[in-house]
Structures are given as C-alpha cells and as structure tokens.
Amino acid sequence: MVTSTTNSNIIWTANDPLGKTIQLKESTFNEHIINENNRTEFIGKENLLKQIIERPRFILPDKTYKDSRYVYCDLQYMDTLNGVFFIDVVVDYSTYPNDLVTAISCRTIPRLETRRIIYDSKNKI
C-alpha cells in the first residue's frame, strides 16, 4: 500500500460503511473532476460526494481496476442538472488514506457488475 503524500489540500476526509478512510483532494476535485473531465455539475457538490462515500447504496469493484478501486453508487437529485441521476464515485484503495479519484453522473443507470457486490445498504452485505 502506498501512502498518499502530496502537497494538495484536503477538502474532506470521510469513513465509509466498511471502515475505510477516504479523502478528497482539492487538486483531484478541481483539476481532474471539474476541468479535465468537464463534470461541472459537481461544482459546489463536494459534500454530496462525501455523503455518497459515507452512505452509498452499493459499493462495487471498478470494472477496469478491480484490484485497486471501488465504485460507490447512489441515486441523487442534482439541482445543477435539474433531475435525478445515478452517481458513481470512484475510490483508489491502494493508497492510504484512500483517494477519491473521480465522480460521474449518469441520466440512466449503467449496467453494473453485480457478481461481486462489496456492500449493499439494503442487505448489509
């Protein structure tokens, strides 16, 4: 496990239902999520991402990085988009603290990898 050491300011630190400590760095939020990925719907929504980490509907393995990333999922009303969206928040757990690496909003619910649900808030898996 790599210790996450950068000079980036931390927006928040949260604990997920699995007991993992997760952080959102200012550089990740502003440079990667907002600017590089053009996810402007998340401007001012830093605490929404924290809420999804703390109380996700599902936690699933990432499709591409199955051995190092989890995807935290929930349905949320996004006033910036004027509708209910499926939100994916991706966390890299190969570092400590675990880093939130991106967030994605989808109008439709994507096909999810359900063979290995890590956490289900309704069934407490």
N, C-alpha and C. Protein backbone atom coordinates (compact mmCIF):
# COMPACT_ATOMS: atom_id res chain seq x y z
N MET A 1 0.85 -1.18 0.00
CA MET A 1 0.00 0.00 0.00
C MET A 1 0.89 1.24 0.00
N VAL A 2 0.53 2.20 -0.80
CA VAL A 2 1.28 3.44 -0.94
C VAL A 2 0.65 4.49 -0.04
N THR A 3 1.49 5.25 0.65
CA THR A 3 0.97 6.35 1.44
C THR A 3 0.79 7.54 0.52
N SER A 4 -0.39 8.11 0.55
CA SER A 4 -0.72 9.25 -0.31
C SER A 4 -0.11 10.51 0.28
N THR A 5 0.98 10.97 -0.34
CA THR A 5 1.65 12.15 0.17
C THR A 5 1.83 13.16 -0.94
N THR A 6 0.97 14.15 -0.96
CA THR A 6 1.12 15.27 -1.89
C THR A 6 0.91 16.54 -1.10
N ASN A 7 1.24 17.63 -1.71
CA ASN A 7 1.04 18.93 -1.06
C ASN A 7 -0.36 19.46 -1.29
N SER A 8 -1.22 18.65 -1.88
CA SER A 8 -2.58 19.06 -2.18
C SER A 8 -3.39 19.25 -0.90
N ASN A 9 -4.19 20.28 -0.88
CA ASN A 9 -5.08 20.49 0.25
C ASN A 9 -6.19 19.45 0.23
N ILE A 10 -6.63 19.05 1.39
CA ILE A 10 -7.70 18.06 1.53
C ILE A 10 -9.01 18.81 1.76
N ILE A 11 -10.02 18.52 0.92
CA ILE A 11 -11.34 19.14 1.07
C ILE A 11 -12.08 18.49 2.23
N TRP A 12 -12.06 17.16 2.27
CA TRP A 12 -12.67 16.43 3.37
C TRP A 12 -12.07 15.04 3.50
N THR A 13 -12.27 14.45 4.65
CA THR A 13 -11.94 13.05 4.93
C THR A 13 -13.20 12.42 5.49
N ALA A 14 -13.50 11.19 5.05
CA ALA A 14 -14.72 10.52 5.49
C ALA A 14 -14.43 9.04 5.73
N ASN A 15 -15.32 8.39 6.47
CA ASN A 15 -15.26 6.95 6.67
C ASN A 15 -16.44 6.31 5.97
N ASP A 16 -16.16 5.25 5.21
CA ASP A 16 -17.24 4.54 4.52
C ASP A 16 -17.82 3.45 5.41
N PRO A 17 -18.89 2.77 4.98
CA PRO A 17 -19.50 1.72 5.81
C PRO A 17 -18.59 0.53 6.08
N LEU A 18 -17.50 0.40 5.32
CA LEU A 18 -16.55 -0.69 5.51
C LEU A 18 -15.44 -0.31 6.47
N GLY A 19 -15.45 0.93 6.95
CA GLY A 19 -14.44 1.39 7.88
C GLY A 19 -13.21 1.97 7.21
N LYS A 20 -13.24 2.16 5.89
CA LYS A 20 -12.11 2.74 5.18
C LYS A 20 -12.15 4.26 5.29
N THR A 21 -10.96 4.87 5.43
CA THR A 21 -10.83 6.32 5.44
C THR A 21 -10.55 6.79 4.03
N ILE A 22 -11.36 7.73 3.57
CA ILE A 22 -11.28 8.22 2.19
C ILE A 22 -11.14 9.74 2.24
N GLN A 23 -10.31 10.27 1.33
CA GLN A 23 -10.14 11.71 1.27
C GLN A 23 -10.40 12.23 -0.14
N LEU A 24 -10.85 13.47 -0.20
CA LEU A 24 -10.99 14.17 -1.47
C LEU A 24 -9.99 15.31 -1.46
N LYS A 25 -9.05 15.26 -2.40
CA LYS A 25 -8.04 16.31 -2.52
C LYS A 25 -8.58 17.43 -3.40
N GLU A 26 -8.20 18.64 -3.05
CA GLU A 26 -8.62 19.81 -3.82
C GLU A 26 -8.15 19.70 -5.27
N SER A 27 -6.94 19.21 -5.48
CA SER A 27 -6.40 19.09 -6.85
C SER A 27 -7.20 18.06 -7.66
N THR A 28 -7.58 16.97 -7.05
CA THR A 28 -8.38 15.96 -7.76
C THR A 28 -9.73 16.54 -8.14
N PHE A 29 -10.36 17.22 -7.19
CA PHE A 29 -11.68 17.77 -7.45
C PHE A 29 -11.64 18.84 -8.54
N ASN A 30 -10.79 19.83 -8.37
CA ASN A 30 -10.76 20.97 -9.30
C ASN A 30 -10.13 20.63 -10.65
N GLU A 31 -8.98 19.97 -10.61
CA GLU A 31 -8.25 19.73 -11.86
C GLU A 31 -8.79 18.53 -12.63
N HIS A 32 -9.03 17.43 -11.95
CA HIS A 32 -9.43 16.21 -12.66
C HIS A 32 -10.94 16.14 -12.91
N ILE A 33 -11.73 16.21 -11.83
CA ILE A 33 -13.18 16.03 -11.98
C ILE A 33 -13.80 17.22 -12.73
N ILE A 34 -13.54 18.42 -12.28
CA ILE A 34 -14.19 19.60 -12.88
C ILE A 34 -13.57 19.98 -14.23
N ASN A 35 -12.25 20.16 -14.28
CA ASN A 35 -11.62 20.67 -15.51
C ASN A 35 -11.36 19.60 -16.56
N GLU A 36 -10.60 18.55 -16.23
CA GLU A 36 -10.24 17.53 -17.23
C GLU A 36 -11.45 16.75 -17.72
N ASN A 37 -12.33 16.35 -16.80
CA ASN A 37 -13.49 15.55 -17.18
C ASN A 37 -14.73 16.38 -17.46
N ASN A 38 -14.63 17.69 -17.26
CA ASN A 38 -15.73 18.61 -17.54
C ASN A 38 -17.02 18.22 -16.80
N ARG A 39 -16.88 17.80 -15.56
CA ARG A 39 -18.02 17.43 -14.72
C ARG A 39 -18.44 18.63 -13.88
N THR A 40 -18.83 19.71 -14.58
CA THR A 40 -19.16 20.96 -13.88
C THR A 40 -20.41 20.84 -13.01
N GLU A 41 -21.20 19.78 -13.21
CA GLU A 41 -22.37 19.59 -12.35
C GLU A 41 -21.98 19.35 -10.90
N PHE A 42 -20.69 19.02 -10.65
CA PHE A 42 -20.24 18.77 -9.28
C PHE A 42 -19.67 20.02 -8.60
N ILE A 43 -19.64 21.15 -9.29
CA ILE A 43 -19.18 22.39 -8.65
C ILE A 43 -20.10 22.69 -7.47
N GLY A 44 -19.51 22.84 -6.30
CA GLY A 44 -20.28 23.08 -5.08
C GLY A 44 -20.90 21.84 -4.49
N LYS A 45 -20.60 20.66 -5.03
CA LYS A 45 -21.20 19.41 -4.58
C LYS A 45 -20.21 18.50 -3.86
N GLU A 46 -19.16 19.08 -3.31
CA GLU A 46 -18.17 18.30 -2.60
C GLU A 46 -18.79 17.47 -1.47
N ASN A 47 -19.73 18.07 -0.74
CA ASN A 47 -20.36 17.36 0.37
C ASN A 47 -21.31 16.26 -0.10
N LEU A 48 -21.89 16.41 -1.29
CA LEU A 48 -22.69 15.33 -1.86
C LEU A 48 -21.82 14.10 -2.09
N LEU A 49 -20.62 14.30 -2.62
CA LEU A 49 -19.70 13.18 -2.83
C LEU A 49 -19.34 12.53 -1.50
N LYS A 50 -19.16 13.33 -0.48
CA LYS A 50 -18.87 12.79 0.86
C LYS A 50 -20.04 11.96 1.37
N GLN A 51 -21.26 12.45 1.18
CA GLN A 51 -22.44 11.70 1.62
C GLN A 51 -22.54 10.35 0.92
N ILE A 52 -22.20 10.31 -0.36
CA ILE A 52 -22.25 9.04 -1.10
C ILE A 52 -21.20 8.08 -0.56
N ILE A 53 -20.03 8.59 -0.20
CA ILE A 53 -18.99 7.74 0.41
C ILE A 53 -19.47 7.20 1.75
N GLU A 54 -20.07 8.04 2.56
CA GLU A 54 -20.49 7.64 3.90
C GLU A 54 -21.73 6.75 3.89
N ARG A 55 -22.63 6.96 2.92
CA ARG A 55 -23.89 6.20 2.87
C ARG A 55 -24.23 5.79 1.44
N PRO A 56 -23.41 4.95 0.81
CA PRO A 56 -23.70 4.54 -0.57
C PRO A 56 -24.84 3.54 -0.62
N ARG A 57 -25.49 3.46 -1.76
CA ARG A 57 -26.47 2.38 -1.97
C ARG A 57 -25.72 1.08 -2.23
N PHE A 58 -24.70 1.14 -3.08
CA PHE A 58 -23.86 -0.02 -3.38
C PHE A 58 -22.40 0.39 -3.37
N ILE A 59 -21.53 -0.56 -3.05
CA ILE A 59 -20.10 -0.47 -3.33
C ILE A 59 -19.76 -1.67 -4.18
N LEU A 60 -19.15 -1.41 -5.34
CA LEU A 60 -18.82 -2.45 -6.31
C LEU A 60 -17.36 -2.33 -6.72
N PRO A 61 -16.76 -3.42 -7.21
CA PRO A 61 -15.41 -3.28 -7.75
C PRO A 61 -15.45 -2.50 -9.06
N ASP A 62 -14.42 -1.70 -9.31
CA ASP A 62 -14.31 -0.98 -10.56
C ASP A 62 -14.13 -1.98 -11.70
N LYS A 63 -14.76 -1.73 -12.84
CA LYS A 63 -14.67 -2.66 -13.98
C LYS A 63 -13.26 -2.78 -14.51
N THR A 64 -12.52 -1.69 -14.54
CA THR A 64 -11.18 -1.68 -15.12
C THR A 64 -10.11 -2.00 -14.07
N TYR A 65 -10.23 -1.41 -12.90
CA TYR A 65 -9.22 -1.58 -11.84
C TYR A 65 -9.80 -2.39 -10.69
N LYS A 66 -10.16 -3.64 -10.98
CA LYS A 66 -10.86 -4.49 -9.99
C LYS A 66 -10.07 -4.70 -8.70
N ASP A 67 -8.74 -4.69 -8.79
CA ASP A 67 -7.92 -4.99 -7.61
C ASP A 67 -7.50 -3.76 -6.82
N SER A 68 -7.88 -2.57 -7.27
CA SER A 68 -7.42 -1.39 -6.53
C SER A 68 -8.46 -0.27 -6.38
N ARG A 69 -9.64 -0.44 -6.99
CA ARG A 69 -10.64 0.63 -6.90
C ARG A 69 -12.04 0.09 -6.62
N TYR A 70 -12.77 0.86 -5.82
CA TYR A 70 -14.18 0.59 -5.56
C TYR A 70 -15.00 1.72 -6.17
N VAL A 71 -16.23 1.38 -6.56
CA VAL A 71 -17.18 2.37 -7.06
C VAL A 71 -18.33 2.45 -6.06
N TYR A 72 -18.57 3.64 -5.53
CA TYR A 72 -19.65 3.91 -4.59
C TYR A 72 -20.79 4.51 -5.40
N CYS A 73 -21.99 3.93 -5.31
CA CYS A 73 -23.10 4.32 -6.18
C CYS A 73 -24.32 4.75 -5.37
N ASP A 74 -25.05 5.71 -5.94
CA ASP A 74 -26.31 6.13 -5.34
C ASP A 74 -27.10 6.96 -6.35
N LEU A 75 -28.42 7.01 -6.17
CA LEU A 75 -29.28 7.91 -6.93
C LEU A 75 -29.40 9.21 -6.15
N GLN A 76 -29.21 10.34 -6.83
CA GLN A 76 -29.27 11.64 -6.17
C GLN A 76 -29.96 12.65 -7.05
N TYR A 77 -30.70 13.56 -6.44
CA TYR A 77 -31.24 14.70 -7.18
C TYR A 77 -30.11 15.70 -7.35
N MET A 78 -29.85 16.09 -8.59
CA MET A 78 -28.80 17.08 -8.90
C MET A 78 -29.49 18.35 -9.36
N ASP A 79 -29.54 19.36 -8.48
CA ASP A 79 -30.18 20.61 -8.88
C ASP A 79 -29.43 21.29 -10.02
N THR A 80 -28.12 21.03 -10.11
CA THR A 80 -27.33 21.61 -11.20
C THR A 80 -27.70 21.02 -12.56
N LEU A 81 -28.33 19.85 -12.56
CA LEU A 81 -28.77 19.20 -13.80
C LEU A 81 -30.29 19.10 -13.89
N ASN A 82 -30.97 19.54 -12.82
CA ASN A 82 -32.43 19.53 -12.75
C ASN A 82 -33.01 18.14 -12.96
N GLY A 83 -32.50 17.16 -12.20
CA GLY A 83 -33.05 15.81 -12.29
C GLY A 83 -32.35 14.83 -11.37
N VAL A 84 -32.88 13.62 -11.35
CA VAL A 84 -32.30 12.53 -10.56
C VAL A 84 -31.28 11.81 -11.44
N PHE A 85 -30.10 11.62 -10.88
CA PHE A 85 -29.00 11.00 -11.61
C PHE A 85 -28.38 9.89 -10.78
N PHE A 86 -27.83 8.91 -11.48
CA PHE A 86 -27.05 7.84 -10.86
C PHE A 86 -25.62 8.36 -10.73
N ILE A 87 -25.11 8.41 -9.51
CA ILE A 87 -23.78 8.96 -9.28
C ILE A 87 -22.82 7.82 -8.92
N ASP A 88 -21.71 7.77 -9.64
CA ASP A 88 -20.59 6.86 -9.34
C ASP A 88 -19.47 7.69 -8.76
N VAL A 89 -18.96 7.29 -7.61
CA VAL A 89 -17.80 7.92 -7.00
C VAL A 89 -16.73 6.83 -6.90
N VAL A 90 -15.60 7.05 -7.56
CA VAL A 90 -14.55 6.02 -7.65
C VAL A 90 -13.45 6.33 -6.65
N VAL A 91 -13.06 5.29 -5.87
CA VAL A 91 -12.05 5.43 -4.83
C VAL A 91 -10.92 4.45 -5.09
N ASP A 92 -9.70 4.95 -5.02
CA ASP A 92 -8.50 4.11 -5.13
C ASP A 92 -8.12 3.68 -3.72
N TYR A 93 -8.18 2.39 -3.44
CA TYR A 93 -7.84 1.91 -2.11
C TYR A 93 -6.45 1.29 -2.03
N SER A 94 -5.61 1.56 -3.04
CA SER A 94 -4.22 1.10 -2.98
C SER A 94 -3.34 2.13 -2.28
N THR A 95 -3.91 3.25 -1.88
CA THR A 95 -3.18 4.28 -1.14
C THR A 95 -3.81 4.44 0.24
N TYR A 96 -3.07 5.02 1.16
CA TYR A 96 -3.65 5.35 2.44
C TYR A 96 -3.32 6.79 2.78
N PRO A 97 -4.31 7.61 3.14
CA PRO A 97 -5.72 7.28 3.08
C PRO A 97 -6.16 7.02 1.65
N ASN A 98 -7.29 6.34 1.51
CA ASN A 98 -7.82 6.04 0.19
C ASN A 98 -8.25 7.34 -0.48
N ASP A 99 -7.93 7.46 -1.78
CA ASP A 99 -8.23 8.69 -2.51
C ASP A 99 -9.47 8.55 -3.39
N LEU A 100 -10.36 9.54 -3.30
CA LEU A 100 -11.44 9.66 -4.28
C LEU A 100 -10.77 10.12 -5.57
N VAL A 101 -10.96 9.36 -6.66
CA VAL A 101 -10.24 9.68 -7.90
C VAL A 101 -11.12 10.29 -8.98
N THR A 102 -12.42 10.02 -8.97
CA THR A 102 -13.31 10.66 -9.93
C THR A 102 -14.76 10.48 -9.51
N ALA A 103 -15.63 11.24 -10.16
CA ALA A 103 -17.07 11.13 -9.94
C ALA A 103 -17.76 11.30 -11.29
N ILE A 104 -18.82 10.53 -11.48
CA ILE A 104 -19.54 10.52 -12.75
C ILE A 104 -21.04 10.55 -12.46
N SER A 105 -21.77 11.37 -13.21
CA SER A 105 -23.24 11.37 -13.10
C SER A 105 -23.81 10.80 -14.40
N CYS A 106 -24.81 9.94 -14.26
CA CYS A 106 -25.43 9.29 -15.42
C CYS A 106 -26.94 9.48 -15.36
N ARG A 107 -27.55 9.87 -16.46
CA ARG A 107 -29.01 10.02 -16.52
C ARG A 107 -29.68 8.64 -16.38
N THR A 108 -29.09 7.63 -16.98
CA THR A 108 -29.62 6.27 -16.88
C THR A 108 -28.70 5.42 -16.01
N ILE A 109 -29.25 4.42 -15.40
CA ILE A 109 -28.45 3.53 -14.56
C ILE A 109 -27.64 2.61 -15.46
N PRO A 110 -26.31 2.64 -15.32
CA PRO A 110 -25.48 1.78 -16.17
C PRO A 110 -25.59 0.32 -15.73
N ARG A 111 -25.23 -0.56 -16.63
CA ARG A 111 -25.18 -1.99 -16.28
C ARG A 111 -24.04 -2.18 -15.29
N LEU A 112 -24.35 -2.69 -14.13
CA LEU A 112 -23.37 -2.82 -13.07
C LEU A 112 -22.85 -4.25 -12.96
N GLU A 113 -21.64 -4.36 -12.51
CA GLU A 113 -21.03 -5.66 -12.22
C GLU A 113 -21.62 -6.14 -10.90
N THR A 114 -22.56 -7.08 -10.97
CA THR A 114 -23.25 -7.50 -9.75
C THR A 114 -22.78 -8.84 -9.20
N ARG A 115 -21.83 -9.47 -9.87
CA ARG A 115 -21.35 -10.76 -9.37
C ARG A 115 -20.58 -10.61 -8.07
N ARG A 116 -20.05 -9.43 -7.83
CA ARG A 116 -19.27 -9.23 -6.61
C ARG A 116 -19.64 -7.91 -5.95
N ILE A 117 -20.85 -7.85 -5.42
CA ILE A 117 -21.26 -6.66 -4.68
C ILE A 117 -20.50 -6.67 -3.35
N ILE A 118 -19.79 -5.60 -3.09
CA ILE A 118 -19.00 -5.50 -1.86
C ILE A 118 -19.88 -5.03 -0.70
N TYR A 119 -20.80 -4.12 -1.01
CA TYR A 119 -21.69 -3.57 0.03
C TYR A 119 -23.03 -3.24 -0.61
N ASP A 120 -24.10 -3.60 0.07
CA ASP A 120 -25.46 -3.30 -0.34
C ASP A 120 -26.17 -2.75 0.89
N SER A 121 -26.53 -1.47 0.86
CA SER A 121 -27.11 -0.84 2.04
C SER A 121 -28.45 -1.45 2.45
N LYS A 122 -29.15 -2.06 1.52
CA LYS A 122 -30.45 -2.68 1.85
C LYS A 122 -30.27 -4.06 2.49
N ASN A 123 -29.22 -4.77 2.09
CA ASN A 123 -29.00 -6.12 2.60
C ASN A 123 -27.80 -6.24 3.53
N LYS A 124 -27.07 -5.14 3.70
CA LYS A 124 -25.91 -5.11 4.59
C LYS A 124 -24.92 -6.24 4.31
N ILE A 125 -24.64 -6.43 3.00
CA ILE A 125 -23.68 -7.47 2.61
C ILE A 125 -22.31 -7.04 3.05
